[in-house]
Amino acid sequence: MNLSLKSRDIAKTAVIAALYVALVWALTPISFGVIQVRVSNALIGIVPLVGMPGVLGITLGVLIGNIPSPLGPIDLLSAIPTFISLLLLMKLKDRSVLLGLFVYSVILSAWVGMLLSYTFGAPFLITFIYLLVGIGFATGILGYLVYRTLKSLVELK
């Protein structure tokens, strides 16, 4: 995995981060909480296609997007498991993009479930299951549709 970034990669990173933040903030009522469908997670489907700019863009988007989180500043730490999960997605992309998206969904559901349990006393297992449904839908289904659509457009080119 090449970690160096060129001007074009920096621009891609910025655009992806801006799109992610715009979607989170525009859809704030469904982007936070025990029952959430963070539609911006559909953008994770572009990560296997664009590589590190996608990883960094989504991570930066999560960091900025979580500023108004009801969990408070602790939710800014969510950028860390996001970054790690996206690196795992990059490692798994040749084997199965869908598997990588699922792994991302499980890790983030566990992380956010832990934060909600810690902050609000929500029962972890129930919270995890609700989150997995919402994150799994946004990332696994919508994200995979984004991936397949963009991949087919690139192949047509």
C-alpha atoms as a PDB file:
ATOM      1  CA  MET A   1       0.000   0.000   0.000  1.00  0.00           C
ATOM      2  CA  ASN A   2       1.546   3.296  -1.107  1.00  0.00           C
ATOM      3  CA  LEU A   3       1.278   5.935   1.616  1.00  0.00           C
ATOM      4  CA  SER A   4       2.620   8.879  -0.404  1.00  0.00           C
ATOM      5  CA  LEU A   5       0.047  11.372  -1.648  1.00  0.00           C
ATOM      6  CA  LYS A   6       0.168  13.541  -4.745  1.00  0.00           C
ATOM      7  CA  SER A   7      -1.825  16.740  -5.331  1.00  0.00           C
ATOM      8  CA  ARG A   8      -4.555  14.772  -7.096  1.00  0.00           C
ATOM      9  CA  ASP A   9      -4.768  12.371  -4.151  1.00  0.00           C
ATOM     10  CA  ILE A  10      -5.031  15.265  -1.696  1.00  0.00           C
ATOM     11  CA  ALA A  11      -7.875  16.700  -3.780  1.00  0.00           C
ATOM     12  CA  LYS A  12      -9.655  13.305  -3.807  1.00  0.00           C
ATOM     13  CA  THR A  13      -9.214  13.054  -0.038  1.00  0.00           C
ATOM     14  CA  ALA A  14     -10.696  16.524   0.474  1.00  0.00           C
ATOM     15  CA  VAL A  15     -13.688  15.881  -1.807  1.00  0.00           C
ATOM     16  CA  ILE A  16     -14.477  12.539  -0.157  1.00  0.00           C
ATOM     17  CA  ALA A  17     -14.188  14.075   3.326  1.00  0.00           C
ATOM     18  CA  ALA A  18     -16.418  17.003   2.334  1.00  0.00           C
ATOM     19  CA  LEU A  19     -19.069  14.694   0.852  1.00  0.00           C
ATOM     20  CA  TYR A  20     -19.008  12.503   3.947  1.00  0.00           C
ATOM     21  CA  VAL A  21     -19.396  15.469   6.309  1.00  0.00           C
ATOM     22  CA  ALA A  22     -22.142  17.032   4.171  1.00  0.00           C
ATOM     23  CA  LEU A  23     -24.164  13.807   4.260  1.00  0.00           C
ATOM     24  CA  VAL A  24     -23.706  13.324   8.019  1.00  0.00           C
ATOM     25  CA  TRP A  25     -24.716  16.887   8.822  1.00  0.00           C
ATOM     26  CA  ALA A  26     -27.587  16.995   6.310  1.00  0.00           C
ATOM     27  CA  LEU A  27     -28.957  13.752   7.754  1.00  0.00           C
ATOM     28  CA  THR A  28     -28.051  14.387  11.411  1.00  0.00           C
ATOM     29  CA  PRO A  29     -31.280  12.900  12.849  1.00  0.00           C
ATOM     30  CA  ILE A  30     -30.458   9.466  11.402  1.00  0.00           C
ATOM     31  CA  SER A  31     -26.649   9.728  11.610  1.00  0.00           C
ATOM     32  CA  PHE A  32     -26.319   9.407  15.395  1.00  0.00           C
ATOM     33  CA  GLY A  33     -27.785   7.259  18.161  1.00  0.00           C
ATOM     34  CA  VAL A  34     -28.620   3.630  18.875  1.00  0.00           C
ATOM     35  CA  ILE A  35     -30.754   3.364  15.762  1.00  0.00           C
ATOM     36  CA  GLN A  36     -28.821   5.033  12.971  1.00  0.00           C
ATOM     37  CA  VAL A  37     -28.399   4.733   9.249  1.00  0.00           C
ATOM     38  CA  ARG A  38     -25.379   6.842   8.410  1.00  0.00           C
ATOM     39  CA  VAL A  39     -26.026   7.195   4.678  1.00  0.00           C
ATOM     40  CA  SER A  40     -22.581   8.765   4.304  1.00  0.00           C
ATOM     41  CA  ASN A  41     -21.141   5.287   4.953  1.00  0.00           C
ATOM     42  CA  ALA A  42     -22.228   4.375   1.424  1.00  0.00           C
ATOM     43  CA  LEU A  43     -19.142   6.352   0.351  1.00  0.00           C
ATOM     44  CA  ILE A  44     -17.008   3.612   1.898  1.00  0.00           C
ATOM     45  CA  GLY A  45     -17.768   1.676  -1.290  1.00  0.00           C
ATOM     46  CA  ILE A  46     -15.314   3.898  -3.163  1.00  0.00           C
ATOM     47  CA  VAL A  47     -12.389   3.059  -0.868  1.00  0.00           C
ATOM     48  CA  PRO A  48     -11.406  -0.157  -2.726  1.00  0.00           C
ATOM     49  CA  LEU A  49     -11.409   1.823  -5.980  1.00  0.00           C
ATOM     50  CA  VAL A  50      -9.432   4.907  -4.930  1.00  0.00           C
ATOM     51  CA  GLY A  51      -7.197   3.512  -2.178  1.00  0.00           C
ATOM     52  CA  MET A  52      -5.516   5.760   0.397  1.00  0.00           C
ATOM     53  CA  PRO A  53      -7.328   8.959  -0.621  1.00  0.00           C
ATOM     54  CA  GLY A  54     -10.550   7.105   0.209  1.00  0.00           C
ATOM     55  CA  VAL A  55      -9.205   5.814   3.521  1.00  0.00           C
ATOM     56  CA  LEU A  56      -8.003   9.266   4.539  1.00  0.00           C
ATOM     57  CA  GLY A  57     -11.078  11.067   3.190  1.00  0.00           C
ATOM     58  CA  ILE A  58     -13.544   8.856   5.058  1.00  0.00           C
ATOM     59  CA  THR A  59     -11.435   9.025   8.237  1.00  0.00           C
ATOM     60  CA  LEU A  60     -11.253  12.825   8.072  1.00  0.00           C
ATOM     61  CA  GLY A  61     -14.969  12.921   7.256  1.00  0.00           C
ATOM     62  CA  VAL A  62     -15.759  10.862  10.360  1.00  0.00           C
ATOM     63  CA  LEU A  63     -13.596  13.120  12.522  1.00  0.00           C
ATOM     64  CA  ILE A  64     -15.257  16.319  11.284  1.00  0.00           C
ATOM     65  CA  GLY A  65     -18.720  14.793  10.870  1.00  0.00           C
ATOM     66  CA  ASN A  66     -18.766  13.684  14.514  1.00  0.00           C
ATOM     67  CA  ILE A  67     -18.180  17.193  15.891  1.00  0.00           C
ATOM     68  CA  PRO A  68     -21.918  17.703  16.632  1.00  0.00           C
ATOM     69  CA  SER A  69     -22.314  14.160  18.021  1.00  0.00           C
ATOM     70  CA  PRO A  70     -24.602  13.786  21.041  1.00  0.00           C
ATOM     71  CA  LEU A  71     -21.848  11.629  22.563  1.00  0.00           C
ATOM     72  CA  GLY A  72     -19.612  14.682  22.822  1.00  0.00           C
ATOM     73  CA  PRO A  73     -15.876  14.878  22.146  1.00  0.00           C
ATOM     74  CA  ILE A  74     -15.358  11.167  22.876  1.00  0.00           C
ATOM     75  CA  ASP A  75     -17.015  10.391  19.523  1.00  0.00           C
ATOM     76  CA  LEU A  76     -14.119  12.105  17.735  1.00  0.00           C
ATOM     77  CA  LEU A  77     -12.080   9.033  18.697  1.00  0.00           C
ATOM     78  CA  SER A  78     -14.255   7.069  16.253  1.00  0.00           C
ATOM     79  CA  ALA A  79     -11.836   8.166  13.543  1.00  0.00           C
ATOM     80  CA  ILE A  80      -9.306   5.648  14.924  1.00  0.00           C
ATOM     81  CA  PRO A  81     -11.348   2.426  14.484  1.00  0.00           C
ATOM     82  CA  THR A  82     -12.628   3.875  11.201  1.00  0.00           C
ATOM     83  CA  PHE A  83      -9.064   4.239   9.903  1.00  0.00           C
ATOM     84  CA  ILE A  84      -8.101   0.738  11.068  1.00  0.00           C
ATOM     85  CA  SER A  85     -11.266  -0.802   9.578  1.00  0.00           C
ATOM     86  CA  LEU A  86     -10.681   0.940   6.257  1.00  0.00           C
ATOM     87  CA  LEU A  87      -7.113  -0.390   6.145  1.00  0.00           C
ATOM     88  CA  LEU A  88      -8.566  -3.876   6.739  1.00  0.00           C
ATOM     89  CA  LEU A  89     -11.012  -3.262   3.884  1.00  0.00           C
ATOM     90  CA  MET A  90      -8.055  -2.400   1.647  1.00  0.00           C
ATOM     91  CA  LYS A  91      -6.320  -5.631   2.688  1.00  0.00           C
ATOM     92  CA  LEU A  92      -9.470  -7.687   1.995  1.00  0.00           C
ATOM     93  CA  LYS A  93     -10.516  -6.011  -1.275  1.00  0.00           C
ATOM     94  CA  ASP A  94      -8.791  -8.553  -3.529  1.00  0.00           C
ATOM     95  CA  ARG A  95     -10.401 -11.424  -1.650  1.00  0.00           C
ATOM     96  CA  SER A  96     -13.874  -9.904  -1.189  1.00  0.00           C
ATOM     97  CA  VAL A  97     -14.993  -6.284  -1.040  1.00  0.00           C
ATOM     98  CA  LEU A  98     -18.255  -7.421   0.534  1.00  0.00           C
ATOM     99  CA  LEU A  99     -16.336  -9.194   3.312  1.00  0.00           C
ATOM    100  CA  GLY A 100     -14.292  -6.041   3.906  1.00  0.00           C
ATOM    101  CA  LEU A 101     -17.459  -3.952   4.145  1.00  0.00           C
ATOM    102  CA  PHE A 102     -18.926  -6.471   6.597  1.00  0.00           C
ATOM    103  CA  VAL A 103     -15.777  -6.402   8.753  1.00  0.00           C
ATOM    104  CA  TYR A 104     -15.967  -2.599   8.782  1.00  0.00           C
ATOM    105  CA  SER A 105     -19.633  -2.779   9.855  1.00  0.00           C
ATOM    106  CA  VAL A 106     -18.924  -5.192  12.718  1.00  0.00           C
ATOM    107  CA  ILE A 107     -15.950  -3.218  14.058  1.00  0.00           C
ATOM    108  CA  LEU A 108     -17.748   0.123  13.921  1.00  0.00           C
ATOM    109  CA  SER A 109     -20.945  -1.327  15.413  1.00  0.00           C
ATOM    110  CA  ALA A 110     -18.932  -2.711  18.329  1.00  0.00           C
ATOM    111  CA  TRP A 111     -17.067   0.581  18.787  1.00  0.00           C
ATOM    112  CA  VAL A 112     -20.153   2.823  18.674  1.00  0.00           C
ATOM    113  CA  GLY A 113     -22.058   0.326  20.831  1.00  0.00           C
ATOM    114  CA  MET A 114     -19.295   0.529  23.414  1.00  0.00           C
ATOM    115  CA  LEU A 115     -19.396   4.346  23.321  1.00  0.00           C
ATOM    116  CA  LEU A 116     -23.182   4.401  23.733  1.00  0.00           C
ATOM    117  CA  SER A 117     -22.987   1.889  26.590  1.00  0.00           C
ATOM    118  CA  TYR A 118     -20.253   3.879  28.309  1.00  0.00           C
ATOM    119  CA  THR A 119     -21.829   7.304  27.781  1.00  0.00           C
ATOM    120  CA  PHE A 120     -25.545   6.610  28.182  1.00  0.00           C
ATOM    121  CA  GLY A 121     -25.624   3.217  29.915  1.00  0.00           C
ATOM    122  CA  ALA A 122     -27.312   1.556  26.925  1.00  0.00           C
ATOM    123  CA  PRO A 123     -27.162  -2.269  26.997  1.00  0.00           C
ATOM    124  CA  PHE A 124     -24.229  -3.210  24.769  1.00  0.00           C
ATOM    125  CA  LEU A 125     -25.580  -6.318  23.005  1.00  0.00           C
ATOM    126  CA  ILE A 126     -28.908  -4.794  21.993  1.00  0.00           C
ATOM    127  CA  THR A 127     -27.176  -1.573  20.980  1.00  0.00           C
ATOM    128  CA  PHE A 128     -24.614  -3.524  18.940  1.00  0.00           C
ATOM    129  CA  ILE A 129     -27.366  -5.418  17.081  1.00  0.00           C
ATOM    130  CA  TYR A 130     -29.327  -2.249  16.249  1.00  0.00           C
ATOM    131  CA  LEU A 131     -26.151  -0.532  15.095  1.00  0.00           C
ATOM    132  CA  LEU A 132     -25.093  -3.520  13.012  1.00  0.00           C
ATOM    133  CA  VAL A 133     -28.399  -3.426  11.144  1.00  0.00           C
ATOM    134  CA  GLY A 134     -28.079   0.296  10.370  1.00  0.00           C
ATOM    135  CA  ILE A 135     -24.349   0.377   9.687  1.00  0.00           C
ATOM    136  CA  GLY A 136     -24.575  -2.907   7.784  1.00  0.00           C
ATOM    137  CA  PHE A 137     -27.302  -1.483   5.555  1.00  0.00           C
ATOM    138  CA  ALA A 138     -25.482   1.791   4.862  1.00  0.00           C
ATOM    139  CA  THR A 139     -22.049   0.222   4.439  1.00  0.00           C
ATOM    140  CA  GLY A 140     -22.728  -3.326   3.282  1.00  0.00           C
ATOM    141  CA  ILE A 141     -25.676  -2.752   0.975  1.00  0.00           C
ATOM    142  CA  LEU A 142     -25.470   0.894  -0.100  1.00  0.00           C
ATOM    143  CA  GLY A 143     -21.658   0.890  -0.011  1.00  0.00           C
ATOM    144  CA  TYR A 144     -21.493  -2.254  -2.102  1.00  0.00           C
ATOM    145  CA  LEU A 145     -23.937  -0.758  -4.628  1.00  0.00           C
ATOM    146  CA  VAL A 146     -21.719   2.333  -4.871  1.00  0.00           C
ATOM    147  CA  TYR A 147     -18.666   0.096  -5.338  1.00  0.00           C
ATOM    148  CA  ARG A 148     -20.265  -2.065  -8.065  1.00  0.00           C
ATOM    149  CA  THR A 149     -21.727   0.932  -9.909  1.00  0.00           C
ATOM    150  CA  LEU A 150     -18.482   2.911  -9.950  1.00  0.00           C
ATOM    151  CA  LYS A 151     -16.443  -0.174 -10.783  1.00  0.00           C
ATOM    152  CA  SER A 152     -18.643  -0.919 -13.803  1.00  0.00           C
ATOM    153  CA  LEU A 153     -18.363   2.707 -14.958  1.00  0.00           C
ATOM    154  CA  VAL A 154     -14.574   2.550 -14.707  1.00  0.00           C
ATOM    155  CA  GLU A 155     -14.556  -0.744 -16.636  1.00  0.00           C
ATOM    156  CA  LEU A 156     -16.647   0.839 -19.418  1.00  0.00           C
ATOM    157  CA  LYS A 157     -14.169   3.655 -19.801  1.00  0.00           C
END
